[in-house]
């Protein structure tokens, strides 16, 4: 028997205590912005995902929000929504017009967003 159900990223599909206000998700590194930035459900844009090796969880990348969610396949509830972090960049090639790789240290270092399309 094969079936497919959709579980939107909204409060009723999250494990008790896992859903937060937009400001709290932002503290966890979830990028929420624009006209829907304070409405978490409307701002999230899931992209792709994959099952864990044991099949117990489905992890979804939420690219534009620099985040991911974890869905428990047994309980049919999301257990986590969090940001992917902001790694530090220390070197950049500031020009694409000199036809060479010319890395320079940045001072102060800057942060970048990972924003992946997919995961495996």
N, C-alpha and C. Protein backbone atom coordinates (compact mmCIF):
# COMPACT_ATOMS: atom_id res chain seq x y z
N UNK A 1 0.85 -1.18 0.00
CA UNK A 1 0.00 0.00 0.00
C UNK A 1 0.89 1.24 0.00
N UNK A 2 0.66 2.09 -0.95
CA UNK A 2 1.45 3.30 -1.08
C UNK A 2 0.53 4.51 -0.97
N UNK A 3 0.88 5.43 -0.10
CA UNK A 3 0.08 6.65 0.03
C UNK A 3 1.02 7.83 0.21
N UNK A 4 0.50 8.98 -0.10
CA UNK A 4 1.29 10.20 0.01
C UNK A 4 0.45 11.27 0.69
N UNK A 5 0.96 11.80 1.78
CA UNK A 5 0.26 12.85 2.50
C UNK A 5 1.16 14.09 2.56
N UNK A 6 0.52 15.23 2.63
CA UNK A 6 1.25 16.49 2.74
C UNK A 6 1.08 17.03 4.15
N UNK A 7 2.18 17.45 4.74
CA UNK A 7 2.17 18.02 6.08
C UNK A 7 2.80 19.40 6.01
N UNK A 8 1.99 20.43 5.78
CA UNK A 8 2.54 21.79 5.67
C UNK A 8 3.30 22.18 6.94
N UNK A 9 4.26 23.06 6.77
CA UNK A 9 5.05 23.56 7.90
C UNK A 9 4.21 24.58 8.65
N UNK A 10 3.33 24.07 9.51
CA UNK A 10 2.47 24.91 10.33
C UNK A 10 2.34 24.28 11.71
N UNK A 11 1.92 25.06 12.67
CA UNK A 11 1.93 24.67 14.08
C UNK A 11 1.29 23.31 14.34
N UNK A 12 0.16 23.00 13.75
CA UNK A 12 -0.54 21.75 14.06
C UNK A 12 0.24 20.50 13.65
N UNK A 13 1.24 20.66 12.79
CA UNK A 13 2.03 19.51 12.35
C UNK A 13 3.37 19.39 13.09
N UNK A 14 3.57 20.21 14.11
CA UNK A 14 4.80 20.17 14.89
C UNK A 14 4.57 19.48 16.23
N UNK A 15 5.58 18.76 16.68
CA UNK A 15 5.56 18.14 18.00
C UNK A 15 5.32 19.23 19.03
N UNK A 16 4.58 18.91 20.09
CA UNK A 16 4.28 19.89 21.14
C UNK A 16 5.56 20.55 21.63
N UNK A 17 5.56 21.88 21.67
CA UNK A 17 6.70 22.64 22.14
C UNK A 17 7.74 22.97 21.09
N UNK A 18 7.58 22.43 19.87
CA UNK A 18 8.56 22.67 18.82
C UNK A 18 8.26 23.90 17.97
N UNK A 19 7.01 24.33 17.94
CA UNK A 19 6.63 25.51 17.15
C UNK A 19 6.95 26.76 17.95
N UNK A 20 7.45 27.78 17.27
CA UNK A 20 7.84 29.02 17.95
C UNK A 20 7.29 30.23 17.19
N UNK A 21 7.40 31.37 17.81
CA UNK A 21 7.08 32.63 17.15
C UNK A 21 8.21 32.96 16.18
N UNK A 22 7.93 33.74 15.17
CA UNK A 22 8.93 34.11 14.17
C UNK A 22 10.20 34.67 14.81
N UNK A 23 10.06 35.50 15.82
CA UNK A 23 11.24 36.10 16.45
C UNK A 23 12.11 35.03 17.11
N UNK A 24 11.51 33.96 17.63
CA UNK A 24 12.28 32.87 18.24
C UNK A 24 12.98 32.03 17.17
N UNK A 25 12.28 31.77 16.06
CA UNK A 25 12.92 31.04 14.96
C UNK A 25 14.10 31.83 14.41
N UNK A 26 13.98 33.15 14.35
CA UNK A 26 15.09 33.98 13.88
C UNK A 26 16.32 33.80 14.78
N UNK A 27 16.10 33.69 16.09
CA UNK A 27 17.21 33.47 17.02
C UNK A 27 17.89 32.13 16.76
N UNK A 28 17.14 31.18 16.19
CA UNK A 28 17.70 29.87 15.82
C UNK A 28 18.34 29.90 14.44
N UNK A 29 18.41 31.09 13.84
CA UNK A 29 19.08 31.24 12.55
C UNK A 29 18.19 31.06 11.33
N UNK A 30 16.87 30.95 11.52
CA UNK A 30 15.96 30.84 10.38
C UNK A 30 15.78 32.23 9.79
N UNK A 31 16.02 32.35 8.49
CA UNK A 31 15.90 33.64 7.81
C UNK A 31 14.44 33.86 7.43
N UNK A 32 13.78 34.77 8.12
CA UNK A 32 12.38 35.13 7.85
C UNK A 32 12.37 36.61 7.51
N UNK A 33 11.76 36.95 6.38
CA UNK A 33 11.86 38.33 5.89
C UNK A 33 10.70 38.66 4.98
N UNK A 34 10.64 39.89 4.54
CA UNK A 34 9.64 40.32 3.56
C UNK A 34 8.26 40.48 4.15
N UNK A 35 7.26 40.59 3.28
CA UNK A 35 5.90 40.87 3.74
C UNK A 35 5.32 39.76 4.62
N UNK A 36 5.84 38.53 4.50
CA UNK A 36 5.35 37.43 5.33
C UNK A 36 6.33 37.04 6.43
N UNK A 37 7.31 37.89 6.69
CA UNK A 37 8.37 37.55 7.62
C UNK A 37 7.93 37.25 9.04
N UNK A 38 6.79 37.76 9.44
CA UNK A 38 6.30 37.46 10.79
C UNK A 38 5.26 36.35 10.80
N UNK A 39 4.95 35.80 9.63
CA UNK A 39 4.05 34.65 9.52
C UNK A 39 4.88 33.47 9.03
N UNK A 40 5.38 32.68 9.97
CA UNK A 40 6.32 31.61 9.65
C UNK A 40 5.77 30.69 8.57
N UNK A 41 4.54 30.26 8.71
CA UNK A 41 3.94 29.32 7.75
C UNK A 41 3.97 29.87 6.33
N UNK A 42 3.67 31.15 6.16
CA UNK A 42 3.62 31.74 4.82
C UNK A 42 5.00 32.09 4.26
N UNK A 43 6.00 32.25 5.12
CA UNK A 43 7.32 32.67 4.65
C UNK A 43 8.21 31.50 4.26
N UNK A 44 8.00 30.33 4.84
CA UNK A 44 8.87 29.19 4.56
C UNK A 44 8.68 28.67 3.14
N UNK A 45 9.80 28.31 2.48
CA UNK A 45 9.76 27.79 1.11
C UNK A 45 10.58 26.50 1.03
N UNK A 46 9.97 25.36 1.39
CA UNK A 46 10.70 24.09 1.32
C UNK A 46 11.14 23.79 -0.11
N UNK A 47 12.33 23.22 -0.24
CA UNK A 47 12.89 22.90 -1.57
C UNK A 47 12.93 21.39 -1.79
N UNK A 48 13.90 20.73 -1.20
CA UNK A 48 14.07 19.30 -1.40
C UNK A 48 14.47 18.65 -0.10
N UNK A 49 14.49 17.34 -0.10
CA UNK A 49 14.85 16.66 1.14
C UNK A 49 15.23 15.22 0.90
N UNK A 50 15.48 14.53 1.99
CA UNK A 50 15.89 13.13 1.92
C UNK A 50 15.54 12.44 3.23
N UNK A 51 15.34 11.13 3.14
CA UNK A 51 15.13 10.32 4.33
C UNK A 51 16.47 10.01 4.97
N UNK A 52 16.47 9.90 6.29
CA UNK A 52 17.68 9.43 6.98
C UNK A 52 17.89 7.96 6.59
N UNK A 53 19.09 7.45 6.82
CA UNK A 53 19.43 6.07 6.42
C UNK A 53 18.47 5.05 7.01
N UNK A 54 17.98 5.29 8.23
CA UNK A 54 17.06 4.34 8.87
C UNK A 54 15.60 4.58 8.49
N UNK A 55 15.32 5.64 7.72
CA UNK A 55 13.96 5.92 7.27
C UNK A 55 13.05 6.51 8.34
N UNK A 56 13.59 6.82 9.50
CA UNK A 56 12.76 7.33 10.60
C UNK A 56 12.43 8.81 10.46
N UNK A 57 13.24 9.54 9.71
CA UNK A 57 13.05 10.98 9.58
C UNK A 57 13.19 11.41 8.13
N UNK A 58 12.50 12.49 7.80
CA UNK A 58 12.65 13.13 6.50
C UNK A 58 13.14 14.55 6.78
N UNK A 59 14.30 14.90 6.24
CA UNK A 59 14.90 16.21 6.47
C UNK A 59 14.70 17.05 5.21
N UNK A 60 14.12 18.21 5.36
CA UNK A 60 13.81 19.08 4.23
C UNK A 60 14.66 20.34 4.30
N UNK A 61 15.23 20.73 3.18
CA UNK A 61 15.96 21.98 3.07
C UNK A 61 14.95 23.08 2.76
N UNK A 62 15.08 24.19 3.46
CA UNK A 62 14.21 25.34 3.23
C UNK A 62 15.14 26.46 2.77
N UNK A 63 15.48 26.41 1.48
CA UNK A 63 16.59 27.18 0.91
C UNK A 63 16.54 28.67 1.20
N UNK A 64 15.50 29.35 0.77
CA UNK A 64 15.47 30.81 0.89
C UNK A 64 15.47 31.28 2.34
N UNK A 65 15.16 30.37 3.26
CA UNK A 65 15.16 30.70 4.67
C UNK A 65 16.44 30.23 5.37
N UNK A 66 17.40 29.69 4.57
CA UNK A 66 18.66 29.19 5.10
C UNK A 66 18.41 28.27 6.30
N UNK A 67 17.48 27.32 6.13
CA UNK A 67 17.03 26.49 7.24
C UNK A 67 16.75 25.06 6.79
N UNK A 68 16.38 24.24 7.76
CA UNK A 68 15.97 22.87 7.49
C UNK A 68 14.90 22.47 8.50
N UNK A 69 14.12 21.45 8.16
CA UNK A 69 13.15 20.90 9.09
C UNK A 69 13.35 19.39 9.17
N UNK A 70 12.95 18.82 10.29
CA UNK A 70 13.05 17.37 10.50
C UNK A 70 11.65 16.85 10.79
N UNK A 71 11.21 15.87 10.00
CA UNK A 71 9.87 15.28 10.13
C UNK A 71 10.01 13.84 10.60
N UNK A 72 9.35 13.49 11.70
CA UNK A 72 9.36 12.14 12.25
C UNK A 72 8.30 11.32 11.51
N UNK A 73 8.72 10.30 10.77
CA UNK A 73 7.77 9.53 9.94
C UNK A 73 6.85 8.65 10.78
N UNK A 74 7.21 8.32 12.01
CA UNK A 74 6.36 7.49 12.86
C UNK A 74 5.24 8.32 13.50
N UNK A 75 5.60 9.49 14.04
CA UNK A 75 4.60 10.32 14.72
C UNK A 75 3.87 11.26 13.77
N UNK A 76 4.41 11.39 12.55
CA UNK A 76 3.84 12.32 11.55
C UNK A 76 3.85 13.75 12.04
N UNK A 77 4.93 14.13 12.71
CA UNK A 77 5.09 15.48 13.25
C UNK A 77 6.50 15.99 12.95
N UNK A 78 6.62 17.29 12.74
CA UNK A 78 7.93 17.91 12.64
C UNK A 78 8.51 18.01 14.05
N UNK A 79 9.79 17.72 14.17
CA UNK A 79 10.44 17.80 15.47
C UNK A 79 11.39 18.99 15.57
N UNK A 80 11.73 19.56 14.42
CA UNK A 80 12.71 20.66 14.44
C UNK A 80 12.57 21.54 13.21
N UNK A 81 12.78 22.81 13.43
CA UNK A 81 12.95 23.80 12.37
C UNK A 81 14.06 24.71 12.86
N UNK A 82 15.16 24.76 12.12
CA UNK A 82 16.31 25.55 12.58
C UNK A 82 17.10 26.06 11.38
N UNK A 83 17.92 27.06 11.65
CA UNK A 83 18.78 27.63 10.62
C UNK A 83 20.00 26.76 10.37
N UNK A 84 20.60 26.94 9.21
CA UNK A 84 21.80 26.20 8.83
C UNK A 84 23.08 26.89 9.28
N UNK A 85 22.95 28.06 9.85
CA UNK A 85 24.12 28.77 10.35
C UNK A 85 24.67 29.77 9.34
N UNK A 86 25.64 30.52 9.80
CA UNK A 86 26.27 31.56 9.00
C UNK A 86 27.79 31.42 9.13
N UNK A 87 28.40 30.52 8.36
CA UNK A 87 29.85 30.33 8.45
C UNK A 87 30.61 31.62 8.12
N UNK A 88 31.80 31.70 8.65
CA UNK A 88 32.64 32.87 8.45
C UNK A 88 33.46 32.74 7.17
N UNK A 89 33.48 33.78 6.39
CA UNK A 89 34.36 33.89 5.22
C UNK A 89 35.53 34.77 5.60
N UNK A 90 36.72 34.31 5.26
CA UNK A 90 37.90 35.13 5.56
C UNK A 90 38.64 35.56 4.30
N UNK A 91 38.32 34.94 3.16
CA UNK A 91 39.00 35.30 1.91
C UNK A 91 37.98 35.49 0.79
N UNK A 92 38.24 36.47 -0.05
CA UNK A 92 37.39 36.75 -1.20
C UNK A 92 38.22 37.09 -2.42
N UNK A 93 37.66 36.82 -3.58
CA UNK A 93 38.19 37.34 -4.83
C UNK A 93 37.21 38.43 -5.23
N UNK A 94 37.57 39.67 -5.06
CA UNK A 94 36.65 40.78 -5.22
C UNK A 94 36.32 41.13 -6.66
N UNK A 95 37.06 40.60 -7.61
CA UNK A 95 36.83 41.00 -8.99
C UNK A 95 36.65 39.78 -9.89
N UNK A 96 35.71 39.88 -10.80
CA UNK A 96 35.58 38.84 -11.83
C UNK A 96 36.06 39.38 -13.19
N UNK A 97 36.73 40.51 -13.16
CA UNK A 97 37.15 41.17 -14.39
C UNK A 97 38.66 41.05 -14.68
N UNK A 98 39.42 40.45 -13.75
CA UNK A 98 40.87 40.36 -13.96
C UNK A 98 41.32 38.99 -14.48
N UNK A 99 40.37 38.10 -14.75
CA UNK A 99 40.65 36.78 -15.33
C UNK A 99 41.64 35.95 -14.51
N UNK A 100 41.66 36.13 -13.22
CA UNK A 100 42.51 35.29 -12.37
C UNK A 100 41.87 35.14 -10.99
N UNK A 101 42.34 34.13 -10.28
CA UNK A 101 41.91 33.93 -8.91
C UNK A 101 42.85 34.75 -8.04
N UNK A 102 42.29 35.70 -7.32
CA UNK A 102 43.09 36.64 -6.56
C UNK A 102 42.42 36.82 -5.19
N UNK A 103 42.68 35.86 -4.28
CA UNK A 103 42.04 35.88 -2.97
C UNK A 103 42.72 36.88 -2.04
N UNK A 104 41.88 37.60 -1.30
CA UNK A 104 42.37 38.56 -0.32
C UNK A 104 41.69 38.27 1.02
N UNK A 105 42.42 38.45 2.08
CA UNK A 105 41.83 38.32 3.41
C UNK A 105 40.85 39.46 3.64
N UNK A 106 39.78 39.16 4.32
CA UNK A 106 38.80 40.20 4.66
C UNK A 106 39.00 40.60 6.11
N UNK A 107 38.88 41.86 6.38
CA UNK A 107 39.01 42.33 7.75
C UNK A 107 38.00 43.45 7.96
N UNK A 108 36.99 43.24 8.75
CA UNK A 108 36.74 42.02 9.52
C UNK A 108 36.16 40.92 8.63
N UNK A 109 36.23 39.66 9.09
CA UNK A 109 35.62 38.56 8.33
C UNK A 109 34.12 38.79 8.15
N UNK A 110 33.57 38.25 7.11
CA UNK A 110 32.14 38.38 6.87
C UNK A 110 31.46 37.02 7.03
N UNK A 111 30.15 37.03 7.06
CA UNK A 111 29.36 35.80 7.20
C UNK A 111 28.69 35.50 5.87
N UNK A 112 28.42 34.22 5.62
CA UNK A 112 27.71 33.82 4.41
C UNK A 112 26.54 32.93 4.79
N UNK A 113 25.56 32.83 3.89
CA UNK A 113 24.44 31.92 4.07
C UNK A 113 24.64 30.72 3.15
N UNK A 114 24.35 29.53 3.66
CA UNK A 114 24.56 28.31 2.86
C UNK A 114 23.47 28.13 1.80
N UNK A 115 22.23 28.25 2.15
CA UNK A 115 21.07 28.21 1.27
C UNK A 115 21.12 27.10 0.21
N UNK A 116 21.27 25.83 0.60
CA UNK A 116 21.33 24.74 -0.38
C UNK A 116 19.97 24.46 -1.02
N UNK A 117 19.99 23.97 -2.26
CA UNK A 117 18.77 23.56 -2.96
C UNK A 117 18.32 22.17 -2.55
N UNK A 118 19.26 21.33 -2.20
CA UNK A 118 18.97 19.91 -2.01
C UNK A 118 19.91 19.33 -0.98
N UNK A 119 19.59 18.15 -0.52
CA UNK A 119 20.46 17.41 0.38
C UNK A 119 20.36 15.93 0.08
N UNK A 120 21.36 15.19 0.52
CA UNK A 120 21.33 13.72 0.33
C UNK A 120 21.66 13.05 1.62
